[in-house]
Amino acid sequence: MNTMIAENWWHVFLFGIYPYIALTVCVLGCVARFDLSQYTWRAGSSQMLSDNYMRTASNLFHIGIIVVLLGHFFGMFTPHFVYERFISAPQKQLVAVIVGGIAGILCLIGLIMLIWRRFTNPRISHTSTFADKMLLVVILVQLLMGLGTIWSYPHHKDGQLMLSLAGWAQSLAILRPVYAASLVENAGLIYKMHMFLGTTLILLVPFTRLIHIISAPIWYLGRRYQIVRQKTSQ
């Protein structure tokens, strides 16, 4: 184990230490932001989403991302022995590919629509910060890499890679960073990039609109949008 640390210190840092740094920054940053600037703890006004185009885009994005996030959470943090009597690792991986692929495509369509509107609509683009725009681009890159991993599925039908990735998350949860890093040492580059960027998104939560994930109620998807009436001359 010590040899691994000496030879692959960068790998141990990125996939064994960096996740703890990101989580610590996330927790402390969220607490500080809630304490110092509660008004910014939101996703922004829904006035921009008052038309059918944006309602569709927002719902597609949020439905897709919620399914993807829940799939990642339960898939990676549920030990293999919990479900192995009901579904094998290869079967679970196939389900993950199908469900995750469908949810990812829905999310991608909605996200592209949101990006198009934010960058091309003069009013929305003017009221959006640089961080707002770049966050959508970063999420797009992360989503594309996630969908890109599906193409490697034919080479990992035995489910072993899925078990290694789940073992990585579970080992981090029980504070075994070096062992966790060793489990994904031979994972493909696209998987490592996806994991690193996903960890970075956790770090960015307190500093961006991602913070509303923590407090957004489940009825968010069915919310009624605010319509702003414009004054008309008499």
C-alpha atoms as a PDB file:
ATOM      1  CA  MET A   1       0.000   0.000   0.000  1.00  0.00           C
ATOM      2  CA  ASN A   2       2.862   2.368   0.824  1.00  0.00           C
ATOM      3  CA  THR A   3       4.425   1.541  -2.549  1.00  0.00           C
ATOM      4  CA  MET A   4       1.195   2.536  -4.288  1.00  0.00           C
ATOM      5  CA  ILE A   5       1.173   5.874  -2.465  1.00  0.00           C
ATOM      6  CA  ALA A   6       4.774   6.582  -3.445  1.00  0.00           C
ATOM      7  CA  GLU A   7       4.321   5.639  -7.107  1.00  0.00           C
ATOM      8  CA  ASN A   8       0.821   7.016  -7.689  1.00  0.00           C
ATOM      9  CA  TRP A   9       0.521   9.873  -5.228  1.00  0.00           C
ATOM     10  CA  TRP A  10      -1.388  11.970  -7.753  1.00  0.00           C
ATOM     11  CA  HIS A  11      -3.937   9.193  -8.232  1.00  0.00           C
ATOM     12  CA  VAL A  12      -4.351   8.756  -4.464  1.00  0.00           C
ATOM     13  CA  PHE A  13      -4.816  12.502  -4.083  1.00  0.00           C
ATOM     14  CA  LEU A  14      -7.398  12.854  -6.865  1.00  0.00           C
ATOM     15  CA  PHE A  15      -9.484   9.816  -5.953  1.00  0.00           C
ATOM     16  CA  GLY A  16      -8.667   9.321  -2.291  1.00  0.00           C
ATOM     17  CA  ILE A  17      -8.059  12.754  -0.760  1.00  0.00           C
ATOM     18  CA  TYR A  18      -9.711  15.278  -3.083  1.00  0.00           C
ATOM     19  CA  PRO A  19     -13.263  13.916  -2.460  1.00  0.00           C
ATOM     20  CA  TYR A  20     -12.890  14.710   1.248  1.00  0.00           C
ATOM     21  CA  ILE A  21     -11.628  18.201   0.443  1.00  0.00           C
ATOM     22  CA  ALA A  22     -14.570  18.795  -1.884  1.00  0.00           C
ATOM     23  CA  LEU A  23     -17.092  17.523   0.670  1.00  0.00           C
ATOM     24  CA  THR A  24     -15.565  19.606   3.465  1.00  0.00           C
ATOM     25  CA  VAL A  25     -15.637  22.770   1.341  1.00  0.00           C
ATOM     26  CA  CYS A  26     -19.221  21.965   0.340  1.00  0.00           C
ATOM     27  CA  VAL A  27     -20.477  21.524   3.908  1.00  0.00           C
ATOM     28  CA  LEU A  28     -18.621  24.494   5.404  1.00  0.00           C
ATOM     29  CA  GLY A  29     -19.413  26.682   2.417  1.00  0.00           C
ATOM     30  CA  CYS A  30     -23.132  25.879   2.566  1.00  0.00           C
ATOM     31  CA  VAL A  31     -23.241  26.623   6.290  1.00  0.00           C
ATOM     32  CA  ALA A  32     -21.408  29.912   5.788  1.00  0.00           C
ATOM     33  CA  ARG A  33     -23.593  30.941   2.863  1.00  0.00           C
ATOM     34  CA  PHE A  34     -26.791  30.159   4.762  1.00  0.00           C
ATOM     35  CA  ASP A  35     -25.546  32.115   7.755  1.00  0.00           C
ATOM     36  CA  LEU A  36     -24.196  35.131   5.877  1.00  0.00           C
ATOM     37  CA  SER A  37     -26.351  35.340   2.755  1.00  0.00           C
ATOM     38  CA  GLN A  38     -29.608  33.431   3.058  1.00  0.00           C
ATOM     39  CA  TYR A  39     -31.234  35.442   0.289  1.00  0.00           C
ATOM     40  CA  THR A  40     -28.895  33.900  -2.298  1.00  0.00           C
ATOM     41  CA  TRP A  41     -29.936  30.373  -1.266  1.00  0.00           C
ATOM     42  CA  ARG A  42     -32.127  29.920  -4.313  1.00  0.00           C
ATOM     43  CA  ALA A  43     -32.140  28.912  -7.971  1.00  0.00           C
ATOM     44  CA  GLY A  44     -33.136  32.314  -9.287  1.00  0.00           C
ATOM     45  CA  SER A  45     -36.452  33.804 -10.307  1.00  0.00           C
ATOM     46  CA  SER A  46     -38.881  31.595 -12.212  1.00  0.00           C
ATOM     47  CA  GLN A  47     -39.971  34.628 -14.182  1.00  0.00           C
ATOM     48  CA  MET A  48     -37.570  33.461 -16.858  1.00  0.00           C
ATOM     49  CA  LEU A  49     -39.429  30.146 -17.086  1.00  0.00           C
ATOM     50  CA  SER A  50     -42.907  31.466 -17.679  1.00  0.00           C
ATOM     51  CA  ASP A  51     -43.266  30.213 -21.261  1.00  0.00           C
ATOM     52  CA  ASN A  52     -43.885  26.675 -22.496  1.00  0.00           C
ATOM     53  CA  TYR A  53     -40.402  26.361 -24.015  1.00  0.00           C
ATOM     54  CA  MET A  54     -38.675  26.928 -20.702  1.00  0.00           C
ATOM     55  CA  ARG A  55     -41.218  24.926 -18.752  1.00  0.00           C
ATOM     56  CA  THR A  56     -40.448  21.936 -20.985  1.00  0.00           C
ATOM     57  CA  ALA A  57     -36.682  22.514 -20.813  1.00  0.00           C
ATOM     58  CA  SER A  58     -36.679  22.871 -17.038  1.00  0.00           C
ATOM     59  CA  ASN A  59     -38.818  19.789 -16.445  1.00  0.00           C
ATOM     60  CA  LEU A  60     -36.805  17.607 -18.836  1.00  0.00           C
ATOM     61  CA  PHE A  61     -33.567  18.700 -17.191  1.00  0.00           C
ATOM     62  CA  HIS A  62     -34.753  18.280 -13.610  1.00  0.00           C
ATOM     63  CA  ILE A  63     -36.516  14.944 -14.155  1.00  0.00           C
ATOM     64  CA  GLY A  64     -33.453  13.574 -15.913  1.00  0.00           C
ATOM     65  CA  ILE A  65     -30.931  14.871 -13.388  1.00  0.00           C
ATOM     66  CA  ILE A  66     -32.943  13.647 -10.393  1.00  0.00           C
ATOM     67  CA  VAL A  67     -33.118  10.103 -11.814  1.00  0.00           C
ATOM     68  CA  VAL A  68     -29.398  10.197 -12.660  1.00  0.00           C
ATOM     69  CA  LEU A  69     -28.389  11.449  -9.209  1.00  0.00           C
ATOM     70  CA  LEU A  70     -30.607   8.963  -7.365  1.00  0.00           C
ATOM     71  CA  GLY A  71     -29.270   6.163  -9.550  1.00  0.00           C
ATOM     72  CA  HIS A  72     -25.689   7.159  -8.806  1.00  0.00           C
ATOM     73  CA  PHE A  73     -26.332   7.491  -5.078  1.00  0.00           C
ATOM     74  CA  PHE A  74     -28.126   4.186  -4.507  1.00  0.00           C
ATOM     75  CA  GLY A  75     -26.103   2.334  -7.121  1.00  0.00           C
ATOM     76  CA  MET A  76     -22.739   3.328  -5.701  1.00  0.00           C
ATOM     77  CA  PHE A  77     -23.499   3.303  -1.990  1.00  0.00           C
ATOM     78  CA  THR A  78     -25.554   0.103  -1.811  1.00  0.00           C
ATOM     79  CA  PRO A  79     -23.275  -2.866  -0.960  1.00  0.00           C
ATOM     80  CA  HIS A  80     -23.324  -5.754  -3.402  1.00  0.00           C
ATOM     81  CA  PHE A  81     -24.521  -8.281  -0.806  1.00  0.00           C
ATOM     82  CA  VAL A  82     -27.732  -6.301  -0.307  1.00  0.00           C
ATOM     83  CA  TYR A  83     -29.044  -6.999  -3.793  1.00  0.00           C
ATOM     84  CA  GLU A  84     -27.035  -9.982  -5.080  1.00  0.00           C
ATOM     85  CA  ARG A  85     -29.788 -12.452  -4.084  1.00  0.00           C
ATOM     86  CA  PHE A  86     -32.247 -10.606  -6.312  1.00  0.00           C
ATOM     87  CA  ILE A  87     -30.149  -9.298  -9.176  1.00  0.00           C
ATOM     88  CA  SER A  88     -26.644 -10.113 -10.356  1.00  0.00           C
ATOM     89  CA  ALA A  89     -23.943  -7.513 -10.945  1.00  0.00           C
ATOM     90  CA  PRO A  90     -24.168  -7.831 -14.769  1.00  0.00           C
ATOM     91  CA  GLN A  91     -27.958  -7.456 -14.636  1.00  0.00           C
ATOM     92  CA  LYS A  92     -27.707  -4.450 -12.339  1.00  0.00           C
ATOM     93  CA  GLN A  93     -25.200  -2.830 -14.658  1.00  0.00           C
ATOM     94  CA  LEU A  94     -27.492  -3.400 -17.658  1.00  0.00           C
ATOM     95  CA  VAL A  95     -30.405  -1.792 -15.791  1.00  0.00           C
ATOM     96  CA  ALA A  96     -28.172   1.131 -14.853  1.00  0.00           C
ATOM     97  CA  VAL A  97     -27.123   1.602 -18.481  1.00  0.00           C
ATOM     98  CA  ILE A  98     -30.698   1.546 -19.779  1.00  0.00           C
ATOM     99  CA  VAL A  99     -32.308   3.700 -17.084  1.00  0.00           C
ATOM    100  CA  GLY A 100     -29.324   6.023 -16.814  1.00  0.00           C
ATOM    101  CA  GLY A 101     -29.124   6.357 -20.573  1.00  0.00           C
ATOM    102  CA  ILE A 102     -32.781   7.333 -20.933  1.00  0.00           C
ATOM    103  CA  ALA A 103     -32.620   9.758 -18.007  1.00  0.00           C
ATOM    104  CA  GLY A 104     -29.346  11.178 -19.295  1.00  0.00           C
ATOM    105  CA  ILE A 105     -30.797  11.858 -22.746  1.00  0.00           C
ATOM    106  CA  LEU A 106     -33.837  13.604 -21.236  1.00  0.00           C
ATOM    107  CA  CYS A 107     -31.513  15.678 -19.085  1.00  0.00           C
ATOM    108  CA  LEU A 108     -29.290  16.462 -22.085  1.00  0.00           C
ATOM    109  CA  ILE A 109     -32.210  17.702 -24.190  1.00  0.00           C
ATOM    110  CA  GLY A 110     -33.451  19.944 -21.389  1.00  0.00           C
ATOM    111  CA  LEU A 111     -29.953  21.217 -20.614  1.00  0.00           C
ATOM    112  CA  ILE A 112     -29.229  22.135 -24.237  1.00  0.00           C
ATOM    113  CA  MET A 113     -32.520  24.026 -24.364  1.00  0.00           C
ATOM    114  CA  LEU A 114     -31.609  25.873 -21.154  1.00  0.00           C
ATOM    115  CA  ILE A 115     -28.127  26.714 -22.424  1.00  0.00           C
ATOM    116  CA  TRP A 116     -29.478  27.938 -25.756  1.00  0.00           C
ATOM    117  CA  ARG A 117     -31.954  30.243 -24.036  1.00  0.00           C
ATOM    118  CA  ARG A 118     -29.471  31.574 -21.499  1.00  0.00           C
ATOM    119  CA  PHE A 119     -26.837  32.390 -24.117  1.00  0.00           C
ATOM    120  CA  THR A 120     -29.077  33.676 -26.932  1.00  0.00           C
ATOM    121  CA  ASN A 121     -31.926  35.497 -25.188  1.00  0.00           C
ATOM    122  CA  PRO A 122     -30.658  39.073 -24.656  1.00  0.00           C
ATOM    123  CA  ARG A 123     -32.645  39.692 -21.464  1.00  0.00           C
ATOM    124  CA  ILE A 124     -31.696  36.414 -19.789  1.00  0.00           C
ATOM    125  CA  SER A 125     -28.083  36.570 -20.961  1.00  0.00           C
ATOM    126  CA  HIS A 126     -27.736  40.099 -19.589  1.00  0.00           C
ATOM    127  CA  THR A 127     -29.068  39.166 -16.142  1.00  0.00           C
ATOM    128  CA  SER A 128     -26.983  35.973 -15.948  1.00  0.00           C
ATOM    129  CA  THR A 129     -23.574  35.988 -14.339  1.00  0.00           C
ATOM    130  CA  PHE A 130     -20.484  34.386 -15.828  1.00  0.00           C
ATOM    131  CA  ALA A 131     -20.754  31.672 -13.152  1.00  0.00           C
ATOM    132  CA  ASP A 132     -24.363  30.933 -14.173  1.00  0.00           C
ATOM    133  CA  LYS A 133     -23.346  30.328 -17.771  1.00  0.00           C
ATOM    134  CA  MET A 134     -20.179  28.399 -17.052  1.00  0.00           C
ATOM    135  CA  LEU A 135     -21.971  26.146 -14.574  1.00  0.00           C
ATOM    136  CA  LEU A 136     -24.344  24.988 -17.308  1.00  0.00           C
ATOM    137  CA  VAL A 137     -21.382  24.294 -19.584  1.00  0.00           C
ATOM    138  CA  VAL A 138     -19.597  22.286 -16.876  1.00  0.00           C
ATOM    139  CA  ILE A 139     -22.753  20.254 -16.215  1.00  0.00           C
ATOM    140  CA  LEU A 140     -23.045  19.651 -19.967  1.00  0.00           C
ATOM    141  CA  VAL A 141     -19.480  18.323 -20.133  1.00  0.00           C
ATOM    142  CA  GLN A 142     -20.109  16.091 -17.104  1.00  0.00           C
ATOM    143  CA  LEU A 143     -23.334  14.766 -18.600  1.00  0.00           C
ATOM    144  CA  LEU A 144     -21.701  14.038 -21.960  1.00  0.00           C
ATOM    145  CA  MET A 145     -18.893  12.124 -20.235  1.00  0.00           C
ATOM    146  CA  GLY A 146     -21.457  10.148 -18.257  1.00  0.00           C
ATOM    147  CA  LEU A 147     -23.319   9.232 -21.433  1.00  0.00           C
ATOM    148  CA  GLY A 148     -19.973   8.500 -23.059  1.00  0.00           C
ATOM    149  CA  THR A 149     -19.272   5.744 -20.550  1.00  0.00           C
ATOM    150  CA  ILE A 150     -22.242   3.838 -21.970  1.00  0.00           C
ATOM    151  CA  TRP A 151     -20.264   3.192 -25.158  1.00  0.00           C
ATOM    152  CA  SER A 152     -17.749   1.156 -23.165  1.00  0.00           C
ATOM    153  CA  TYR A 153     -20.497  -1.077 -21.743  1.00  0.00           C
ATOM    154  CA  PRO A 154     -19.842  -3.970 -24.201  1.00  0.00           C
ATOM    155  CA  HIS A 155     -16.343  -4.276 -22.690  1.00  0.00           C
ATOM    156  CA  HIS A 156     -17.631  -4.433 -19.098  1.00  0.00           C
ATOM    157  CA  LYS A 157     -20.681  -6.682 -19.268  1.00  0.00           C
ATOM    158  CA  ASP A 158     -19.445  -8.764 -16.333  1.00  0.00           C
ATOM    159  CA  GLY A 159     -20.230  -5.931 -13.931  1.00  0.00           C
ATOM    160  CA  GLN A 160     -16.776  -5.899 -12.357  1.00  0.00           C
ATOM    161  CA  LEU A 161     -16.086  -2.280 -13.232  1.00  0.00           C
ATOM    162  CA  MET A 162     -19.407  -1.278 -11.682  1.00  0.00           C
ATOM    163  CA  LEU A 163     -18.459  -3.136  -8.503  1.00  0.00           C
ATOM    164  CA  SER A 164     -15.080  -1.376  -8.436  1.00  0.00           C
ATOM    165  CA  LEU A 165     -16.685   2.051  -8.812  1.00  0.00           C
ATOM    166  CA  ALA A 166     -19.211   1.234  -6.100  1.00  0.00           C
ATOM    167  CA  GLY A 167     -16.396  -0.062  -3.906  1.00  0.00           C
ATOM    168  CA  TRP A 168     -14.575   3.234  -4.417  1.00  0.00           C
ATOM    169  CA  ALA A 169     -17.545   5.262  -3.124  1.00  0.00           C
ATOM    170  CA  GLN A 170     -18.228   2.879  -0.242  1.00  0.00           C
ATOM    171  CA  SER A 171     -14.563   2.816   0.812  1.00  0.00           C
ATOM    172  CA  LEU A 172     -14.505   6.604   0.892  1.00  0.00           C
ATOM    173  CA  ALA A 173     -17.623   6.516   3.065  1.00  0.00           C
ATOM    174  CA  ILE A 174     -15.827   4.372   5.664  1.00  0.00           C
ATOM    175  CA  LEU A 175     -12.658   6.511   5.515  1.00  0.00           C
ATOM    176  CA  ARG A 176     -10.365   4.229   3.522  1.00  0.00           C
ATOM    177  CA  PRO A 177      -9.033   6.687   0.922  1.00  0.00           C
ATOM    178  CA  VAL A 178      -5.941   4.790  -0.231  1.00  0.00           C
ATOM    179  CA  TYR A 179      -7.861   1.559  -0.724  1.00  0.00           C
ATOM    180  CA  ALA A 180     -10.636   3.472  -2.490  1.00  0.00           C
ATOM    181  CA  ALA A 181      -8.140   4.976  -4.919  1.00  0.00           C
ATOM    182  CA  SER A 182      -6.638   1.560  -5.629  1.00  0.00           C
ATOM    183  CA  LEU A 183     -10.041   0.207  -6.707  1.00  0.00           C
ATOM    184  CA  VAL A 184     -10.288   2.633  -9.637  1.00  0.00           C
ATOM    185  CA  GLU A 185      -6.624   2.730 -10.606  1.00  0.00           C
ATOM    186  CA  ASN A 186      -7.296   0.721 -13.779  1.00  0.00           C
ATOM    187  CA  ALA A 187     -10.554   2.421 -14.713  1.00  0.00           C
ATOM    188  CA  GLY A 188     -10.699   4.055 -18.128  1.00  0.00           C
ATOM    189  CA  LEU A 189      -9.803   7.720 -18.581  1.00  0.00           C
ATOM    190  CA  ILE A 190     -13.399   8.773 -19.258  1.00  0.00           C
ATOM    191  CA  TYR A 191     -14.499   7.215 -15.959  1.00  0.00           C
ATOM    192  CA  LYS A 192     -11.750   9.003 -14.052  1.00  0.00           C
ATOM    193  CA  MET A 193     -12.579  12.323 -15.687  1.00  0.00           C
ATOM    194  CA  HIS A 194     -16.262  11.808 -14.906  1.00  0.00           C
ATOM    195  CA  MET A 195     -15.469  11.026 -11.271  1.00  0.00           C
ATOM    196  CA  PHE A 196     -13.107  13.999 -10.908  1.00  0.00           C
ATOM    197  CA  LEU A 197     -15.532  16.494 -12.453  1.00  0.00           C
ATOM    198  CA  GLY A 198     -18.391  15.072 -10.383  1.00  0.00           C
ATOM    199  CA  THR A 199     -16.321  15.607  -7.244  1.00  0.00           C
ATOM    200  CA  THR A 200     -15.519  19.142  -8.390  1.00  0.00           C
ATOM    201  CA  LEU A 201     -19.227  19.898  -8.827  1.00  0.00           C
ATOM    202  CA  ILE A 202     -19.713  18.964  -5.163  1.00  0.00           C
ATOM    203  CA  LEU A 203     -17.009  21.478  -4.266  1.00  0.00           C
ATOM    204  CA  LEU A 204     -18.754  24.168  -6.345  1.00  0.00           C
ATOM    205  CA  VAL A 205     -22.162  23.771  -4.655  1.00  0.00           C
ATOM    206  CA  PRO A 206     -21.775  26.602  -2.087  1.00  0.00           C
ATOM    207  CA  PHE A 207     -20.549  29.069  -4.712  1.00  0.00           C
ATOM    208  CA  THR A 208     -23.147  28.518  -7.449  1.00  0.00           C
ATOM    209  CA  ARG A 209     -26.851  27.958  -8.018  1.00  0.00           C
ATOM    210  CA  LEU A 210     -26.257  24.275  -7.371  1.00  0.00           C
ATOM    211  CA  ILE A 211     -26.893  25.085  -3.734  1.00  0.00           C
ATOM    212  CA  HIS A 212     -30.649  25.014  -4.326  1.00  0.00           C
ATOM    213  CA  ILE A 213     -30.385  21.213  -4.717  1.00  0.00           C
ATOM    214  CA  ILE A 214     -30.145  20.978  -0.935  1.00  0.00           C
ATOM    215  CA  SER A 215     -33.355  22.836  -0.195  1.00  0.00           C
ATOM    216  CA  ALA A 216     -35.465  22.350  -3.329  1.00  0.00           C
ATOM    217  CA  PRO A 217     -38.756  20.624  -2.369  1.00  0.00           C
ATOM    218  CA  ILE A 218     -39.923  17.541  -4.275  1.00  0.00           C
ATOM    219  CA  TRP A 219     -42.854  19.497  -5.697  1.00  0.00           C
ATOM    220  CA  TYR A 220     -40.384  21.743  -7.518  1.00  0.00           C
ATOM    221  CA  LEU A 221     -41.160  20.012 -10.810  1.00  0.00           C
ATOM    222  CA  GLY A 222     -44.843  20.761 -10.575  1.00  0.00           C
ATOM    223  CA  ARG A 223     -44.496  24.333  -9.400  1.00  0.00           C
ATOM    224  CA  ARG A 224     -46.590  27.073 -10.940  1.00  0.00           C
ATOM    225  CA  TYR A 225     -44.467  29.597 -12.766  1.00  0.00           C
ATOM    226  CA  GLN A 226     -44.723  33.286 -12.060  1.00  0.00           C
ATOM    227  CA  ILE A 227     -45.853  35.364 -14.990  1.00  0.00           C
ATOM    228  CA  VAL A 228     -44.816  38.985 -15.062  1.00  0.00           C
ATOM    229  CA  ARG A 229     -47.372  41.285 -16.643  1.00  0.00           C
ATOM    230  CA  GLN A 230     -46.077  44.197 -18.606  1.00  0.00           C
ATOM    231  CA  LYS A 231     -47.630  47.624 -18.222  1.00  0.00           C
ATOM    232  CA  THR A 232     -49.668  48.789 -21.146  1.00  0.00           C
ATOM    233  CA  SER A 233     -50.206  52.367 -22.076  1.00  0.00           C
ATOM    234  CA  GLN A 234     -53.673  53.754 -21.426  1.00  0.00           C
END
